[in-house]
């Protein structure tokens, strides 16, 4: 409880806002290097908040379910909520990888200090492609999963 309110709805809203925002930022970083150079600290910060908020939402939801009692709608909501965690982990890894790539190896072979083209090993381009795929899977999958979990949660609350 937080000021007399169950913690679950408060934490869930952090996850619901941060996960899609981190997804958008991470996907943007993967496909737009100029944006990656400017946005990586903010995107990594928001992705980290999502990574922390999702397990907290799951944990606080289990506590709330034990308090109010289980039913079929709550069980469906719990199952859908637990599906969000793998996606947010993948999204966070993509955000971290793209942030490190942007910060230290320079996205698209450009040096961070200047606009000169710098020769980079072939694996750098492959790493960016893999990170872009992870960003898409984690971002799109996580956003869909959290919307479905939210919908089933609303049904569990408002259906009698």
Protein backbone atom coordinates (compact mmCIF):
# COMPACT_ATOMS: atom_id res chain seq x y z
CA UNK A 1 0.00 0.00 0.00
CA UNK A 2 1.14 3.52 -0.81
CA UNK A 3 -0.82 6.32 0.88
CA UNK A 4 -3.68 3.88 1.29
CA UNK A 5 -3.68 2.82 -2.36
CA UNK A 6 -2.57 -0.54 -3.70
CA UNK A 7 0.92 -0.27 -5.17
CA UNK A 8 0.08 -2.31 -8.28
CA UNK A 9 -1.88 0.34 -10.26
CA UNK A 10 0.78 2.94 -9.53
CA UNK A 11 3.68 0.77 -10.68
CA UNK A 12 1.75 -0.50 -13.69
CA UNK A 13 1.36 3.03 -15.01
CA UNK A 14 5.13 3.50 -14.95
CA UNK A 15 5.52 0.33 -17.02
CA UNK A 16 2.68 1.24 -19.39
CA UNK A 17 4.24 4.64 -20.14
CA UNK A 18 7.92 3.70 -20.16
CA UNK A 19 7.84 0.46 -22.16
CA UNK A 20 6.26 1.90 -25.36
CA UNK A 21 8.32 5.08 -25.01
CA UNK A 22 11.52 3.03 -24.68
CA UNK A 23 10.40 0.88 -27.62
CA UNK A 24 9.90 3.93 -29.82
CA UNK A 25 13.23 5.43 -28.77
CA UNK A 26 15.18 2.20 -29.20
CA UNK A 27 13.72 1.49 -32.63
CA UNK A 28 14.43 5.11 -33.61
CA UNK A 29 18.05 4.70 -32.43
CA UNK A 30 18.43 1.51 -34.44
CA UNK A 31 17.37 3.07 -37.72
CA UNK A 32 18.38 6.74 -37.37
CA UNK A 33 22.01 7.19 -36.27
CA UNK A 34 21.72 10.97 -35.85
CA UNK A 35 18.90 10.45 -33.36
CA UNK A 36 20.89 7.74 -31.60
CA UNK A 37 23.77 10.14 -30.94
CA UNK A 38 21.41 12.58 -29.21
CA UNK A 39 18.85 10.32 -27.57
CA UNK A 40 20.81 7.36 -26.21
CA UNK A 41 21.04 8.57 -22.57
CA UNK A 42 17.31 9.31 -22.34
CA UNK A 43 16.28 6.11 -24.13
CA UNK A 44 18.52 3.96 -21.93
CA UNK A 45 17.14 5.70 -18.82
CA UNK A 46 13.49 5.13 -19.82
CA UNK A 47 14.23 1.51 -20.82
CA UNK A 48 15.81 0.95 -17.42
CA UNK A 49 12.74 2.34 -15.67
CA UNK A 50 10.60 -0.06 -17.73
CA UNK A 51 12.92 -2.95 -16.86
CA UNK A 52 12.48 -2.19 -13.15
CA UNK A 53 8.76 -1.34 -13.32
CA UNK A 54 7.63 -4.56 -15.03
CA UNK A 55 8.89 -7.00 -12.35
CA UNK A 56 7.62 -4.62 -9.65
CA UNK A 57 4.21 -4.62 -11.34
CA UNK A 58 4.21 -8.42 -11.46
CA UNK A 59 5.20 -8.69 -7.80
CA UNK A 60 2.75 -6.06 -6.58
CA UNK A 61 0.03 -7.66 -8.71
CA UNK A 62 0.59 -11.01 -7.04
CA UNK A 63 0.29 -9.32 -3.64
CA UNK A 64 -2.89 -7.53 -4.71
CA UNK A 65 -4.39 -10.75 -6.11
CA UNK A 66 -3.76 -12.48 -2.78
CA UNK A 67 -5.55 -9.61 -1.03
CA UNK A 68 -8.62 -9.38 -3.27
CA UNK A 69 -8.84 -13.06 -4.16
CA UNK A 70 -8.26 -14.98 -7.35
CA UNK A 71 -10.76 -15.43 -10.16
CA UNK A 72 -10.57 -16.40 -13.82
CA UNK A 73 -10.15 -12.81 -15.07
CA UNK A 74 -7.32 -12.11 -12.64
CA UNK A 75 -5.58 -15.34 -13.63
CA UNK A 76 -5.73 -14.35 -17.32
CA UNK A 77 -4.37 -10.91 -16.42
CA UNK A 78 -1.52 -12.45 -14.41
CA UNK A 79 -0.55 -14.76 -17.28
CA UNK A 80 -0.55 -11.91 -19.80
CA UNK A 81 1.37 -9.65 -17.43
CA UNK A 82 4.12 -12.23 -17.01
CA UNK A 83 4.56 -12.36 -20.80
CA UNK A 84 5.75 -8.74 -20.78
CA UNK A 85 8.96 -9.45 -18.83
CA UNK A 86 10.92 -11.34 -21.55
CA UNK A 87 10.13 -8.60 -24.07
CA UNK A 88 11.23 -5.80 -21.76
CA UNK A 89 14.49 -7.64 -21.09
CA UNK A 90 15.14 -7.97 -24.84
CA UNK A 91 14.24 -4.31 -25.34
CA UNK A 92 16.59 -3.20 -22.56
CA UNK A 93 19.44 -5.27 -24.00
CA UNK A 94 18.84 -3.67 -27.41
CA UNK A 95 18.77 -0.18 -25.86
CA UNK A 96 21.98 -0.90 -23.94
CA UNK A 97 23.72 -2.36 -26.99
CA UNK A 98 22.70 0.51 -29.25
CA UNK A 99 23.72 3.04 -26.60
CA UNK A 100 27.14 1.44 -26.24
CA UNK A 101 27.53 1.19 -30.00
CA UNK A 102 26.58 4.84 -30.41
CA UNK A 103 28.79 6.03 -27.57
CA UNK A 104 31.91 3.98 -28.16
CA UNK A 105 32.10 2.61 -31.70
CA UNK A 106 30.11 5.25 -33.51
CA UNK A 107 26.96 4.36 -35.34
CA UNK A 108 27.41 4.00 -39.15
CA UNK A 109 31.17 4.19 -38.94
CA UNK A 110 31.37 7.85 -38.00
CA UNK A 111 33.63 9.02 -35.25
CA UNK A 112 31.87 10.62 -32.29
CA UNK A 113 34.45 13.43 -32.21
CA UNK A 114 34.22 14.37 -35.88
CA UNK A 115 32.19 13.69 -38.96
CA UNK A 116 35.04 11.85 -40.70
CA UNK A 117 34.22 8.39 -41.94
CA UNK A 118 36.26 5.86 -39.97
CA UNK A 119 36.90 2.32 -41.16
CA UNK A 120 35.14 -0.15 -38.85
CA UNK A 121 35.34 -3.92 -38.74
CA UNK A 122 32.52 -5.79 -40.53
CA UNK A 123 31.12 -7.16 -37.29
CA UNK A 124 30.05 -3.65 -36.23
CA UNK A 125 27.44 -3.49 -38.99
CA UNK A 126 26.28 -7.00 -38.14
CA UNK A 127 25.99 -6.07 -34.48
CA UNK A 128 23.82 -3.06 -35.36
CA UNK A 129 21.54 -5.29 -37.47
CA UNK A 130 21.15 -7.77 -34.60
CA UNK A 131 20.46 -4.94 -32.15
CA UNK A 132 17.88 -3.46 -34.54
CA UNK A 133 16.12 -6.84 -34.72
CA UNK A 134 16.17 -7.12 -30.92
CA UNK A 135 14.75 -3.59 -30.69
CA UNK A 136 11.90 -4.52 -33.04
CA UNK A 137 11.10 -7.81 -31.27
CA UNK A 138 11.35 -6.36 -27.76
CA UNK A 139 9.66 -3.09 -28.62
CA UNK A 140 6.73 -4.33 -30.70
CA UNK A 141 6.28 -7.53 -28.70
CA UNK A 142 6.50 -5.73 -25.38
CA UNK A 143 4.07 -3.01 -26.41
CA UNK A 144 1.54 -5.56 -27.67
CA UNK A 145 1.97 -7.70 -24.54
CA UNK A 146 1.54 -4.77 -22.16
CA UNK A 147 -1.56 -3.53 -24.00
CA UNK A 148 -3.12 -7.01 -23.82
CA UNK A 149 -2.23 -7.31 -20.12
CA UNK A 150 -3.68 -3.86 -19.45
CA UNK A 151 -6.87 -4.70 -21.26
CA UNK A 152 -7.33 -7.93 -19.32
CA UNK A 153 -6.54 -6.05 -16.10
CA UNK A 154 -9.22 -3.48 -16.86
CA UNK A 155 -11.67 -6.29 -17.55
CA UNK A 156 -10.76 -7.92 -14.23
CA UNK A 157 -11.39 -4.65 -12.39
CA UNK A 158 -14.54 -3.47 -14.16
CA UNK A 159 -16.33 -6.75 -14.93
CA UNK A 160 -18.61 -8.00 -12.20
